[in-house]
Amino acid sequence: MVVNSIDYGLNVAEATNAPRFHHQWLSDELRVEKGFSPDTLKLLEAKGQKVALKEAMGSTQSIMVGPDGELYGASDPRSVDDLTAGY
């Protein structure tokens, strides 16, 4: 989420909803959620990555302070029972 917000300029909802990836050291695999392009996955495999597709990885409820000082929240669609709240 941090990379998507800072490096790619996504707002908190876009960053929360974006597919995630994680490199797991002890199985030496790159775990990815669905949503990455097949071309990207093929390029990673061609570079020697062992890519493992996962349904979902984690859930987050996030609040971002916008440039205007307002709070913007997003609840992760991976978990339907959660709520983002701020004050």
PDB file of N, CA and C in Angstrom:
ATOM      1  N   MET A   1       0.810  -1.180   0.000  1.00  0.00           N
ATOM      2  CA  MET A   1       0.000   0.000   0.000  1.00  0.00           C
ATOM      3  C   MET A   1       0.860   1.253   0.000  1.00  0.00           C
ATOM      4  N   VAL A   2       1.926   1.247   0.761  1.00  0.00           N
ATOM      5  CA  VAL A   2       2.792   2.421   0.825  1.00  0.00           C
ATOM      6  C   VAL A   2       3.410   2.695  -0.545  1.00  0.00           C
ATOM      7  N   VAL A   3       3.905   1.658  -1.199  1.00  0.00           N
ATOM      8  CA  VAL A   3       4.496   1.824  -2.534  1.00  0.00           C
ATOM      9  C   VAL A   3       3.461   2.383  -3.503  1.00  0.00           C
ATOM     10  N   ASN A   4       2.255   1.815  -3.475  1.00  0.00           N
ATOM     11  CA  ASN A   4       1.215   2.289  -4.393  1.00  0.00           C
ATOM     12  C   ASN A   4       0.831   3.736  -4.122  1.00  0.00           C
ATOM     13  N   SER A   5       0.825   4.146  -2.858  1.00  0.00           N
ATOM     14  CA  SER A   5       0.460   5.525  -2.516  1.00  0.00           C
ATOM     15  C   SER A   5       1.581   6.506  -2.835  1.00  0.00           C
ATOM     16  N   ILE A   6       2.773   6.206  -2.367  1.00  0.00           N
ATOM     17  CA  ILE A   6       3.881   7.155  -2.509  1.00  0.00           C
ATOM     18  C   ILE A   6       4.479   7.122  -3.917  1.00  0.00           C
ATOM     19  N   ASP A   7       4.807   5.938  -4.404  1.00  0.00           N
ATOM     20  CA  ASP A   7       5.496   5.841  -5.693  1.00  0.00           C
ATOM     21  C   ASP A   7       4.572   5.998  -6.893  1.00  0.00           C
ATOM     22  N   TYR A   8       3.328   5.543  -6.758  1.00  0.00           N
ATOM     23  CA  TYR A   8       2.414   5.564  -7.903  1.00  0.00           C
ATOM     24  C   TYR A   8       1.271   6.556  -7.754  1.00  0.00           C
ATOM     25  N   GLY A   9       1.196   7.261  -6.628  1.00  0.00           N
ATOM     26  CA  GLY A   9       0.211   8.321  -6.456  1.00  0.00           C
ATOM     27  C   GLY A   9      -1.231   7.858  -6.320  1.00  0.00           C
ATOM     28  N   LEU A  10      -1.442   6.588  -5.944  1.00  0.00           N
ATOM     29  CA  LEU A  10      -2.814   6.106  -5.777  1.00  0.00           C
ATOM     30  C   LEU A  10      -3.416   6.660  -4.493  1.00  0.00           C
ATOM     31  N   ASN A  11      -4.717   6.921  -4.513  1.00  0.00           N
ATOM     32  CA  ASN A  11      -5.359   7.340  -3.272  1.00  0.00           C
ATOM     33  C   ASN A  11      -5.530   6.123  -2.372  1.00  0.00           C
ATOM     34  N   VAL A  12      -6.008   6.340  -1.153  1.00  0.00           N
ATOM     35  CA  VAL A  12      -6.057   5.258  -0.166  1.00  0.00           C
ATOM     36  C   VAL A  12      -6.966   4.111  -0.615  1.00  0.00           C
ATOM     37  N   ALA A  13      -8.063   4.411  -1.271  1.00  0.00           N
ATOM     38  CA  ALA A  13      -8.967   3.349  -1.735  1.00  0.00           C
ATOM     39  C   ALA A  13      -8.330   2.552  -2.874  1.00  0.00           C
ATOM     40  N   GLU A  14      -7.695   3.245  -3.815  1.00  0.00           N
ATOM     41  CA  GLU A  14      -7.035   2.555  -4.929  1.00  0.00           C
ATOM     42  C   GLU A  14      -5.900   1.660  -4.425  1.00  0.00           C
ATOM     43  N   ALA A  15      -5.111   2.186  -3.484  1.00  0.00           N
ATOM     44  CA  ALA A  15      -3.994   1.414  -2.937  1.00  0.00           C
ATOM     45  C   ALA A  15      -4.493   0.206  -2.146  1.00  0.00           C
ATOM     46  N   THR A  16      -5.582   0.376  -1.418  1.00  0.00           N
ATOM     47  CA  THR A  16      -6.162  -0.723  -0.638  1.00  0.00           C
ATOM     48  C   THR A  16      -6.688  -1.824  -1.545  1.00  0.00           C
ATOM     49  N   ASN A  17      -7.298  -1.446  -2.645  1.00  0.00           N
ATOM     50  CA  ASN A  17      -7.919  -2.411  -3.557  1.00  0.00           C
ATOM     51  C   ASN A  17      -6.930  -3.081  -4.510  1.00  0.00           C
ATOM     52  N   ALA A  18      -5.754  -2.516  -4.669  1.00  0.00           N
ATOM     53  CA  ALA A  18      -4.778  -3.035  -5.637  1.00  0.00           C
ATOM     54  C   ALA A  18      -4.304  -4.436  -5.243  1.00  0.00           C
ATOM     55  N   PRO A  19      -3.968  -5.270  -6.241  1.00  0.00           N
ATOM     56  CA  PRO A  19      -3.438  -6.596  -5.924  1.00  0.00           C
ATOM     57  C   PRO A  19      -2.110  -6.488  -5.175  1.00  0.00           C
ATOM     58  N   ARG A  20      -1.855  -7.461  -4.318  1.00  0.00           N
ATOM     59  CA  ARG A  20      -0.658  -7.442  -3.471  1.00  0.00           C
ATOM     60  C   ARG A  20       0.309  -8.545  -3.870  1.00  0.00           C
ATOM     61  N   PHE A  21       1.561  -8.338  -3.457  1.00  0.00           N
ATOM     62  CA  PHE A  21       2.588  -9.354  -3.657  1.00  0.00           C
ATOM     63  C   PHE A  21       3.458  -9.412  -2.415  1.00  0.00           C
ATOM     64  N   HIS A  22       4.109 -10.543  -2.220  1.00  0.00           N
ATOM     65  CA  HIS A  22       4.984 -10.743  -1.064  1.00  0.00           C
ATOM     66  C   HIS A  22       6.005 -11.808  -1.424  1.00  0.00           C
ATOM     67  N   HIS A  23       7.270 -11.541  -1.143  1.00  0.00           N
ATOM     68  CA  HIS A  23       8.281 -12.581  -1.344  1.00  0.00           C
ATOM     69  C   HIS A  23       8.475 -13.323  -0.028  1.00  0.00           C
ATOM     70  N   GLN A  24       8.204 -14.627  -0.041  1.00  0.00           N
ATOM     71  CA  GLN A  24       8.368 -15.468   1.144  1.00  0.00           C
ATOM     72  C   GLN A  24       9.755 -16.088   1.117  1.00  0.00           C
ATOM     73  N   TRP A  25      10.570 -15.730   2.107  1.00  0.00           N
ATOM     74  CA  TRP A  25      11.969 -16.132   2.122  1.00  0.00           C
ATOM     75  C   TRP A  25      12.145 -17.647   2.178  1.00  0.00           C
ATOM     76  N   LEU A  26      11.492 -18.314   3.146  1.00  0.00           N
ATOM     77  CA  LEU A  26      11.793 -19.724   3.366  1.00  0.00           C
ATOM     78  C   LEU A  26      11.106 -20.701   2.425  1.00  0.00           C
ATOM     79  N   SER A  27      10.317 -20.244   1.562  1.00  0.00           N
ATOM     80  CA  SER A  27       9.934 -21.135   0.462  1.00  0.00           C
ATOM     81  C   SER A  27      10.458 -20.552  -0.853  1.00  0.00           C
ATOM     82  N   ASP A  28      11.101 -19.387  -0.711  1.00  0.00           N
ATOM     83  CA  ASP A  28      11.676 -18.665  -1.842  1.00  0.00           C
ATOM     84  C   ASP A  28      10.690 -18.579  -2.999  1.00  0.00           C
ATOM     85  N   GLU A  29       9.508 -18.064  -2.673  1.00  0.00           N
ATOM     86  CA  GLU A  29       8.509 -17.886  -3.726  1.00  0.00           C
ATOM     87  C   GLU A  29       7.935 -16.483  -3.662  1.00  0.00           C
ATOM     88  N   LEU A  30       7.522 -16.000  -4.795  1.00  0.00           N
ATOM     89  CA  LEU A  30       6.862 -14.709  -4.901  1.00  0.00           C
ATOM     90  C   LEU A  30       5.363 -14.971  -4.912  1.00  0.00           C
ATOM     91  N   ARG A  31       4.702 -14.589  -3.834  1.00  0.00           N
ATOM     92  CA  ARG A  31       3.265 -14.808  -3.723  1.00  0.00           C
ATOM     93  C   ARG A  31       2.546 -13.589  -4.294  1.00  0.00           C
ATOM     94  N   VAL A  32       1.614 -13.827  -5.183  1.00  0.00           N
ATOM     95  CA  VAL A  32       0.884 -12.735  -5.824  1.00  0.00           C
ATOM     96  C   VAL A  32      -0.612 -13.027  -5.794  1.00  0.00           C
ATOM     97  N   GLU A  33      -1.381 -11.964  -5.632  1.00  0.00           N
ATOM     98  CA  GLU A  33      -2.829 -12.081  -5.742  1.00  0.00           C
ATOM     99  C   GLU A  33      -3.227 -11.972  -7.207  1.00  0.00           C
ATOM    100  N   LYS A  34      -4.416 -12.455  -7.529  1.00  0.00           N
ATOM    101  CA  LYS A  34      -4.908 -12.278  -8.895  1.00  0.00           C
ATOM    102  C   LYS A  34      -5.071 -10.782  -9.152  1.00  0.00           C
ATOM    103  N   GLY A  35      -4.867 -10.403 -10.383  1.00  0.00           N
ATOM    104  CA  GLY A  35      -4.961  -8.995 -10.747  1.00  0.00           C
ATOM    105  C   GLY A  35      -3.713  -8.482 -11.444  1.00  0.00           C
ATOM    106  N   PHE A  36      -2.600  -9.214 -11.305  1.00  0.00           N
ATOM    107  CA  PHE A  36      -1.394  -8.850 -12.046  1.00  0.00           C
ATOM    108  C   PHE A  36      -1.525  -9.389 -13.468  1.00  0.00           C
ATOM    109  N   SER A  37      -0.979  -8.674 -14.418  1.00  0.00           N
ATOM    110  CA  SER A  37      -1.117  -9.107 -15.806  1.00  0.00           C
ATOM    111  C   SER A  37      -0.333 -10.400 -16.040  1.00  0.00           C
ATOM    112  N   PRO A  38      -0.851 -11.267 -16.899  1.00  0.00           N
ATOM    113  CA  PRO A  38      -0.127 -12.498 -17.233  1.00  0.00           C
ATOM    114  C   PRO A  38       1.268 -12.214 -17.796  1.00  0.00           C
ATOM    115  N   ASP A  39       1.406 -11.128 -18.537  1.00  0.00           N
ATOM    116  CA  ASP A  39       2.720 -10.763 -19.087  1.00  0.00           C
ATOM    117  C   ASP A  39       3.722 -10.472 -17.970  1.00  0.00           C
ATOM    118  N   THR A  40       3.274  -9.756 -16.945  1.00  0.00           N
ATOM    119  CA  THR A  40       4.146  -9.446 -15.810  1.00  0.00           C
ATOM    120  C   THR A  40       4.583 -10.723 -15.112  1.00  0.00           C
ATOM    121  N   LEU A  41       3.652 -11.637 -14.885  1.00  0.00           N
ATOM    122  CA  LEU A  41       3.982 -12.899 -14.219  1.00  0.00           C
ATOM    123  C   LEU A  41       4.964 -13.723 -15.050  1.00  0.00           C
ATOM    124  N   LYS A  42       4.787 -13.731 -16.366  1.00  0.00           N
ATOM    125  CA  LYS A  42       5.710 -14.458 -17.245  1.00  0.00           C
ATOM    126  C   LYS A  42       7.111 -13.848 -17.200  1.00  0.00           C
ATOM    127  N   LEU A  43       7.186 -12.518 -17.175  1.00  0.00           N
ATOM    128  CA  LEU A  43       8.490 -11.851 -17.086  1.00  0.00           C
ATOM    129  C   LEU A  43       9.189 -12.192 -15.776  1.00  0.00           C
ATOM    130  N   LEU A  44       8.438 -12.213 -14.677  1.00  0.00           N
ATOM    131  CA  LEU A  44       9.021 -12.562 -13.381  1.00  0.00           C
ATOM    132  C   LEU A  44       9.535 -14.001 -13.378  1.00  0.00           C
ATOM    133  N   GLU A  45       8.751 -14.904 -13.938  1.00  0.00           N
ATOM    134  CA  GLU A  45       9.179 -16.305 -14.018  1.00  0.00           C
ATOM    135  C   GLU A  45      10.413 -16.452 -14.908  1.00  0.00           C
ATOM    136  N   ALA A  46      10.474 -15.680 -15.984  1.00  0.00           N
ATOM    137  CA  ALA A  46      11.633 -15.722 -16.878  1.00  0.00           C
ATOM    138  C   ALA A  46      12.899 -15.242 -16.173  1.00  0.00           C
ATOM    139  N   LYS A  47      12.738 -14.400 -15.149  1.00  0.00           N
ATOM    140  CA  LYS A  47      13.880 -13.914 -14.366  1.00  0.00           C
ATOM    141  C   LYS A  47      14.217 -14.853 -13.208  1.00  0.00           C
ATOM    142  N   GLY A  48      13.514 -15.994 -13.136  1.00  0.00           N
ATOM    143  CA  GLY A  48      13.840 -16.986 -12.119  1.00  0.00           C
ATOM    144  C   GLY A  48      12.957 -16.968 -10.882  1.00  0.00           C
ATOM    145  N   GLN A  49      11.958 -16.113 -10.852  1.00  0.00           N
ATOM    146  CA  GLN A  49      11.052 -16.081  -9.703  1.00  0.00           C
ATOM    147  C   GLN A  49      10.117 -17.285  -9.733  1.00  0.00           C
ATOM    148  N   LYS A  50       9.910 -17.880  -8.572  1.00  0.00           N
ATOM    149  CA  LYS A  50       8.919 -18.944  -8.433  1.00  0.00           C
ATOM    150  C   LYS A  50       7.619 -18.259  -7.993  1.00  0.00           C
ATOM    151  N   VAL A  51       6.704 -18.062  -8.929  1.00  0.00           N
ATOM    152  CA  VAL A  51       5.474 -17.304  -8.683  1.00  0.00           C
ATOM    153  C   VAL A  51       4.377 -18.249  -8.197  1.00  0.00           C
ATOM    154  N   ALA A  52       3.740 -17.867  -7.085  1.00  0.00           N
ATOM    155  CA  ALA A  52       2.637 -18.654  -6.519  1.00  0.00           C
ATOM    156  C   ALA A  52       1.407 -17.759  -6.414  1.00  0.00           C
ATOM    157  N   LEU A  53       0.355 -18.125  -7.118  1.00  0.00           N
ATOM    158  CA  LEU A  53      -0.885 -17.350  -7.073  1.00  0.00           C
ATOM    159  C   LEU A  53      -1.649 -17.643  -5.791  1.00  0.00           C
ATOM    160  N   LYS A  54      -2.096 -16.591  -5.092  1.00  0.00           N
ATOM    161  CA  LYS A  54      -2.854 -16.716  -3.847  1.00  0.00           C
ATOM    162  C   LYS A  54      -4.181 -15.992  -4.000  1.00  0.00           C
ATOM    163  N   GLU A  55      -5.195 -16.475  -3.306  1.00  0.00           N
ATOM    164  CA  GLU A  55      -6.522 -15.842  -3.365  1.00  0.00           C
ATOM    165  C   GLU A  55      -6.484 -14.431  -2.792  1.00  0.00           C
ATOM    166  N   ALA A  56      -6.017 -14.300  -1.562  1.00  0.00           N
ATOM    167  CA  ALA A  56      -5.947 -12.993  -0.907  1.00  0.00           C
ATOM    168  C   ALA A  56      -4.827 -13.037   0.119  1.00  0.00           C
ATOM    169  N   MET A  57      -4.222 -11.886   0.350  1.00  0.00           N
ATOM    170  CA  MET A  57      -3.152 -11.801   1.342  1.00  0.00           C
ATOM    171  C   MET A  57      -3.434 -10.630   2.267  1.00  0.00           C
ATOM    172  N   GLY A  58      -3.904 -10.947   3.443  1.00  0.00           N
ATOM    173  CA  GLY A  58      -4.129  -9.931   4.452  1.00  0.00           C
ATOM    174  C   GLY A  58      -5.359  -9.085   4.206  1.00  0.00           C
ATOM    175  N   SER A  59      -5.583  -8.200   5.135  1.00  0.00           N
ATOM    176  CA  SER A  59      -6.694  -7.255   5.056  1.00  0.00           C
ATOM    177  C   SER A  59      -6.266  -6.009   5.806  1.00  0.00           C
ATOM    178  N   THR A  60      -6.619  -4.864   5.282  1.00  0.00           N
ATOM    179  CA  THR A  60      -6.213  -3.624   5.934  1.00  0.00           C
ATOM    180  C   THR A  60      -7.370  -2.637   5.975  1.00  0.00           C
ATOM    181  N   GLN A  61      -7.406  -1.863   7.014  1.00  0.00           N
ATOM    182  CA  GLN A  61      -8.332  -0.742   7.128  1.00  0.00           C
ATOM    183  C   GLN A  61      -7.427   0.479   7.249  1.00  0.00           C
ATOM    184  N   SER A  62      -7.524   1.397   6.327  1.00  0.00           N
ATOM    185  CA  SER A  62      -6.521   2.454   6.214  1.00  0.00           C
ATOM    186  C   SER A  62      -7.132   3.840   6.254  1.00  0.00           C
ATOM    187  N   ILE A  63      -6.374   4.753   6.833  1.00  0.00           N
ATOM    188  CA  ILE A  63      -6.741   6.173   6.840  1.00  0.00           C
ATOM    189  C   ILE A  63      -5.529   6.951   6.347  1.00  0.00           C
ATOM    190  N   MET A  64      -5.763   7.842   5.394  1.00  0.00           N
ATOM    191  CA  MET A  64      -4.705   8.679   4.840  1.00  0.00           C
ATOM    192  C   MET A  64      -5.061  10.141   5.116  1.00  0.00           C
ATOM    193  N   VAL A  65      -4.068  10.912   5.501  1.00  0.00           N
ATOM    194  CA  VAL A  65      -4.262  12.352   5.641  1.00  0.00           C
ATOM    195  C   VAL A  65      -3.925  12.964   4.290  1.00  0.00           C
ATOM    196  N   GLY A  66      -4.920  13.594   3.666  1.00  0.00           N
ATOM    197  CA  GLY A  66      -4.721  14.191   2.356  1.00  0.00           C
ATOM    198  C   GLY A  66      -3.964  15.499   2.433  1.00  0.00           C
ATOM    199  N   PRO A  67      -3.537  16.031   1.293  1.00  0.00           N
ATOM    200  CA  PRO A  67      -2.819  17.308   1.255  1.00  0.00           C
ATOM    201  C   PRO A  67      -3.645  18.455   1.824  1.00  0.00           C
ATOM    202  N   ASP A  68      -4.975  18.284   1.817  1.00  0.00           N
ATOM    203  CA  ASP A  68      -5.867  19.305   2.359  1.00  0.00           C
ATOM    204  C   ASP A  68      -6.112  19.129   3.857  1.00  0.00           C
ATOM    205  N   GLY A  69      -5.465  18.130   4.483  1.00  0.00           N
ATOM    206  CA  GLY A  69      -5.631  17.883   5.907  1.00  0.00           C
ATOM    207  C   GLY A  69      -6.825  17.004   6.245  1.00  0.00           C
ATOM    208  N   GLU A  70      -7.630  16.672   5.253  1.00  0.00           N
ATOM    209  CA  GLU A  70      -8.794  15.803   5.477  1.00  0.00           C
ATOM    210  C   GLU A  70      -8.344  14.352   5.642  1.00  0.00           C
ATOM    211  N   LEU A  71      -9.153  13.588   6.383  1.00  0.00           N
ATOM    212  CA  LEU A  71      -8.902  12.162   6.542  1.00  0.00           C
ATOM    213  C   LEU A  71      -9.706  11.399   5.502  1.00  0.00           C
ATOM    214  N   TYR A  72      -9.048  10.479   4.815  1.00  0.00           N
ATOM    215  CA  TYR A  72      -9.703   9.645   3.814  1.00  0.00           C
ATOM    216  C   TYR A  72      -9.501   8.190   4.220  1.00  0.00           C
ATOM    217  N   GLY A  73     -10.583   7.439   4.282  1.00  0.00           N
ATOM    218  CA  GLY A  73     -10.501   6.059   4.734  1.00  0.00           C
ATOM    219  C   GLY A  73     -10.901   5.076   3.657  1.00  0.00           C
ATOM    220  N   ALA A  74     -10.415   3.851   3.809  1.00  0.00           N
ATOM    221  CA  ALA A  74     -10.778   2.772   2.891  1.00  0.00           C
ATOM    222  C   ALA A  74     -10.762   1.452   3.647  1.00  0.00           C
ATOM    223  N   SER A  75     -11.807   0.678   3.447  1.00  0.00           N
ATOM    224  CA  SER A  75     -11.883  -0.670   4.006  1.00  0.00           C
ATOM    225  C   SER A  75     -11.544  -1.671   2.916  1.00  0.00           C
ATOM    226  N   ASP A  76     -10.789  -2.666   3.278  1.00  0.00           N
ATOM    227  CA  ASP A  76     -10.313  -3.663   2.327  1.00  0.00           C
ATOM    228  C   ASP A  76     -11.451  -4.565   1.860  1.00  0.00           C
ATOM    229  N   PRO A  77     -11.643  -4.703   0.549  1.00  0.00           N
ATOM    230  CA  PRO A  77     -12.699  -5.583   0.048  1.00  0.00           C
ATOM    231  C   PRO A  77     -12.405  -7.064   0.291  1.00  0.00           C
ATOM    232  N   ARG A  78     -11.180  -7.387   0.718  1.00  0.00           N
ATOM    233  CA  ARG A  78     -10.836  -8.779   1.000  1.00  0.00           C
ATOM    234  C   ARG A  78     -11.534  -9.292   2.257  1.00  0.00           C
ATOM    235  N   SER A  79     -11.993  -8.372   3.093  1.00  0.00           N
ATOM    236  CA  SER A  79     -12.683  -8.731   4.331  1.00  0.00           C
ATOM    237  C   SER A  79     -13.979  -7.932   4.398  1.00  0.00           C
ATOM    238  N   VAL A  80     -15.101  -8.613   4.370  1.00  0.00           N
ATOM    239  CA  VAL A  80     -16.390  -7.922   4.248  1.00  0.00           C
ATOM    240  C   VAL A  80     -16.938  -7.397   5.571  1.00  0.00           C
ATOM    241  N   ASP A  81     -16.374  -7.801   6.706  1.00  0.00           N
ATOM    242  CA  ASP A  81     -16.936  -7.419   8.003  1.00  0.00           C
ATOM    243  C   ASP A  81     -16.228  -6.241   8.655  1.00  0.00           C
ATOM    244  N   ASP A  82     -15.246  -5.645   8.021  1.00  0.00           N
ATOM    245  CA  ASP A  82     -14.422  -4.634   8.668  1.00  0.00           C
ATOM    246  C   ASP A  82     -14.901  -3.221   8.363  1.00  0.00           C
ATOM    247  N   LEU A  83     -14.404  -2.274   9.159  1.00  0.00           N
ATOM    248  CA  LEU A  83     -14.820  -0.881   9.061  1.00  0.00           C
ATOM    249  C   LEU A  83     -13.612   0.006   9.301  1.00  0.00           C
ATOM    250  N   THR A  84     -13.513   1.068   8.549  1.00  0.00           N
ATOM    251  CA  THR A  84     -12.481   2.070   8.768  1.00  0.00           C
ATOM    252  C   THR A  84     -13.128   3.264   9.438  1.00  0.00           C
ATOM    253  N   ALA A  85     -12.572   3.687  10.567  1.00  0.00           N
ATOM    254  CA  ALA A  85     -13.141   4.825  11.297  1.00  0.00           C
ATOM    255  C   ALA A  85     -12.007   5.726  11.767  1.00  0.00           C
ATOM    256  N   GLY A  86     -12.222   7.013  11.744  1.00  0.00           N
ATOM    257  CA  GLY A  86     -11.225   7.966  12.207  1.00  0.00           C
ATOM    258  C   GLY A  86     -11.904   9.132  12.896  1.00  0.00           C
ATOM    259  N   TYR A  87     -11.120   9.931  13.555  1.00  0.00           N
ATOM    260  CA  TYR A  87     -11.670  11.110  14.237  1.00  0.00           C
ATOM    261  C   TYR A  87     -10.721  12.273  14.086  1.00  0.00           C
TER     262      TYR A  87
END
